[in-house]
Structures are given as structure tokens and as C-alpha cells.
Amino acid sequence: MLRIIALLLLVIPGLLAALGIKWMRDTLFGILHSPFPSLSLQFLGGFLLFAAGLAFIGGFILHRDRKRNKVQPRFQKKKKAP
């Protein structure tokens, strides 16, 4: 069950990032979608969705790899001194 939840946690931001890429591509071709009043706002919204989805997936993978000690030393968390 936990694997299904983890998969959903990765699929939903992935779909949002894909939607962001589609909006940016449609801006380049001059196709305006209904929630946006201008092409520049559509491109900005698409870029924000893409960046947020990519950051979430990257953070999820980094967190998982840190728990399993599979990251390079520069990505490991620094231990606090007592």
C-alpha cells in the first residue's frame, strides 16, 4: 500500500510538470488556453508548474536516497555538533 501512495506522490507532480511543458509549447505556437488572458502569463504559469513538479520529484528522490545512504558526501546532511 505504501508503494502505491509513493507512486501517486510522484505521478501527480509529474503530470503537473507535463501540463506546464504543454502550456509553454502552446505559447510558442500561439495557442491560448482559457484560464490565461495573455500568452506571456500562460508561459509563466507553465514554467512555474514545470519547475514545481521537477523540484518536488527531485526532492523526493534526494530524500529517499539520503535515507538509504546512496548519495555523494556533498549531498549528505551535516550532523549538528552537541
C-alpha atoms as a PDB file:
ATOM      1  CA  MET A   1       0.000   0.000   0.000  1.00  0.00           C
ATOM      2  CA  LEU A   2       2.854   2.376   0.794  1.00  0.00           C
ATOM      3  CA  ARG A   3       4.356   1.825  -2.637  1.00  0.00           C
ATOM      4  CA  ILE A   4       1.091   2.848  -4.297  1.00  0.00           C
ATOM      5  CA  ILE A   5       0.983   6.034  -2.231  1.00  0.00           C
ATOM      6  CA  ALA A   6       4.613   6.780  -3.116  1.00  0.00           C
ATOM      7  CA  LEU A   7       3.841   6.204  -6.787  1.00  0.00           C
ATOM      8  CA  LEU A   8       0.897   8.603  -6.622  1.00  0.00           C
ATOM      9  CA  LEU A   9       3.113  11.163  -4.904  1.00  0.00           C
ATOM     10  CA  LEU A  10       5.402  11.046  -7.924  1.00  0.00           C
ATOM     11  CA  VAL A  11       2.770  10.757 -10.659  1.00  0.00           C
ATOM     12  CA  ILE A  12       0.693  13.802  -9.683  1.00  0.00           C
ATOM     13  CA  PRO A  13       3.603  16.318  -9.756  1.00  0.00           C
ATOM     14  CA  GLY A  14       4.849  14.610 -12.916  1.00  0.00           C
ATOM     15  CA  LEU A  15       1.512  15.216 -14.613  1.00  0.00           C
ATOM     16  CA  LEU A  16       1.521  18.839 -13.476  1.00  0.00           C
ATOM     17  CA  ALA A  17       5.034  19.279 -14.884  1.00  0.00           C
ATOM     18  CA  ALA A  18       3.874  17.748 -18.167  1.00  0.00           C
ATOM     19  CA  LEU A  19       0.949  20.196 -18.244  1.00  0.00           C
ATOM     20  CA  GLY A  20       3.416  23.023 -17.688  1.00  0.00           C
ATOM     21  CA  ILE A  21       5.515  21.845 -20.636  1.00  0.00           C
ATOM     22  CA  LYS A  22       2.358  21.683 -22.787  1.00  0.00           C
ATOM     23  CA  TRP A  23       1.385  25.244 -21.856  1.00  0.00           C
ATOM     24  CA  MET A  24       4.875  26.520 -22.670  1.00  0.00           C
ATOM     25  CA  ARG A  25       4.856  24.675 -26.010  1.00  0.00           C
ATOM     26  CA  ASP A  26       1.407  26.009 -26.874  1.00  0.00           C
ATOM     27  CA  THR A  27       2.635  29.525 -26.123  1.00  0.00           C
ATOM     28  CA  LEU A  28       5.374  29.140 -28.718  1.00  0.00           C
ATOM     29  CA  PHE A  29       2.745  28.102 -31.287  1.00  0.00           C
ATOM     30  CA  GLY A  30       0.369  30.921 -30.302  1.00  0.00           C
ATOM     31  CA  ILE A  31      -2.383  28.746 -28.789  1.00  0.00           C
ATOM     32  CA  LEU A  32      -4.039  30.491 -25.845  1.00  0.00           C
ATOM     33  CA  HIS A  33      -5.907  28.423 -23.230  1.00  0.00           C
ATOM     34  CA  SER A  34      -8.931  29.680 -21.332  1.00  0.00           C
ATOM     35  CA  PRO A  35      -7.612  30.393 -17.820  1.00  0.00           C
ATOM     36  CA  PHE A  36      -4.988  32.837 -19.161  1.00  0.00           C
ATOM     37  CA  PRO A  37      -5.643  36.315 -20.580  1.00  0.00           C
ATOM     38  CA  SER A  38      -2.304  36.532 -22.436  1.00  0.00           C
ATOM     39  CA  LEU A  39       0.379  34.282 -23.879  1.00  0.00           C
ATOM     40  CA  SER A  40       3.076  35.603 -21.547  1.00  0.00           C
ATOM     41  CA  LEU A  41       1.037  34.677 -18.467  1.00  0.00           C
ATOM     42  CA  GLN A  42       0.402  31.245 -19.952  1.00  0.00           C
ATOM     43  CA  PHE A  43       4.144  30.724 -20.451  1.00  0.00           C
ATOM     44  CA  LEU A  44       4.863  31.910 -16.896  1.00  0.00           C
ATOM     45  CA  GLY A  45       2.198  29.579 -15.473  1.00  0.00           C
ATOM     46  CA  GLY A  46       3.582  26.672 -17.474  1.00  0.00           C
ATOM     47  CA  PHE A  47       7.110  27.396 -16.317  1.00  0.00           C
ATOM     48  CA  LEU A  48       6.001  27.573 -12.675  1.00  0.00           C
ATOM     49  CA  LEU A  49       4.158  24.244 -12.949  1.00  0.00           C
ATOM     50  CA  PHE A  50       7.147  22.621 -14.632  1.00  0.00           C
ATOM     51  CA  ALA A  51       9.621  23.961 -12.064  1.00  0.00           C
ATOM     52  CA  ALA A  52       7.429  22.982  -9.102  1.00  0.00           C
ATOM     53  CA  GLY A  53       6.876  19.454 -10.411  1.00  0.00           C
ATOM     54  CA  LEU A  54      10.554  18.952 -11.177  1.00  0.00           C
ATOM     55  CA  ALA A  55      11.608  20.315  -7.772  1.00  0.00           C
ATOM     56  CA  PHE A  56       9.154  18.036  -5.956  1.00  0.00           C
ATOM     57  CA  ILE A  57      10.290  14.911  -7.801  1.00  0.00           C
ATOM     58  CA  GLY A  58      13.965  15.828  -7.334  1.00  0.00           C
ATOM     59  CA  GLY A  59      13.466  16.493  -3.621  1.00  0.00           C
ATOM     60  CA  PHE A  60      11.567  13.229  -3.192  1.00  0.00           C
ATOM     61  CA  ILE A  61      14.367  11.229  -4.835  1.00  0.00           C
ATOM     62  CA  LEU A  62      17.072  13.059  -2.857  1.00  0.00           C
ATOM     63  CA  HIS A  63      15.225  12.435   0.424  1.00  0.00           C
ATOM     64  CA  ARG A  64      14.811   8.729  -0.388  1.00  0.00           C
ATOM     65  CA  ASP A  65      18.462   8.325  -1.347  1.00  0.00           C
ATOM     66  CA  ARG A  66      19.642  10.162   1.781  1.00  0.00           C
ATOM     67  CA  LYS A  67      17.680   7.716   3.942  1.00  0.00           C
ATOM     68  CA  ARG A  68      19.404   4.796   2.189  1.00  0.00           C
ATOM     69  CA  ASN A  69      22.892   6.421   2.280  1.00  0.00           C
ATOM     70  CA  LYS A  70      23.199   6.325  -1.504  1.00  0.00           C
ATOM     71  CA  VAL A  71      24.272   9.920  -2.092  1.00  0.00           C
ATOM     72  CA  GLN A  72      27.668  11.514  -2.544  1.00  0.00           C
ATOM     73  CA  PRO A  73      29.235  13.092   0.549  1.00  0.00           C
ATOM     74  CA  ARG A  74      28.445  16.620  -0.662  1.00  0.00           C
ATOM     75  CA  PHE A  75      24.694  15.818  -0.631  1.00  0.00           C
ATOM     76  CA  GLN A  76      24.657  14.225   2.820  1.00  0.00           C
ATOM     77  CA  LYS A  77      23.138  16.194   5.649  1.00  0.00           C
ATOM     78  CA  LYS A  78      25.590  17.820   8.006  1.00  0.00           C
ATOM     79  CA  LYS A  79      25.395  16.497  11.565  1.00  0.00           C
ATOM     80  CA  LYS A  80      24.921  19.103  14.259  1.00  0.00           C
ATOM     81  CA  ALA A  81      27.617  19.379  16.906  1.00  0.00           C
ATOM     82  CA  PRO A  82      26.390  18.954  20.508  1.00  0.00           C
END
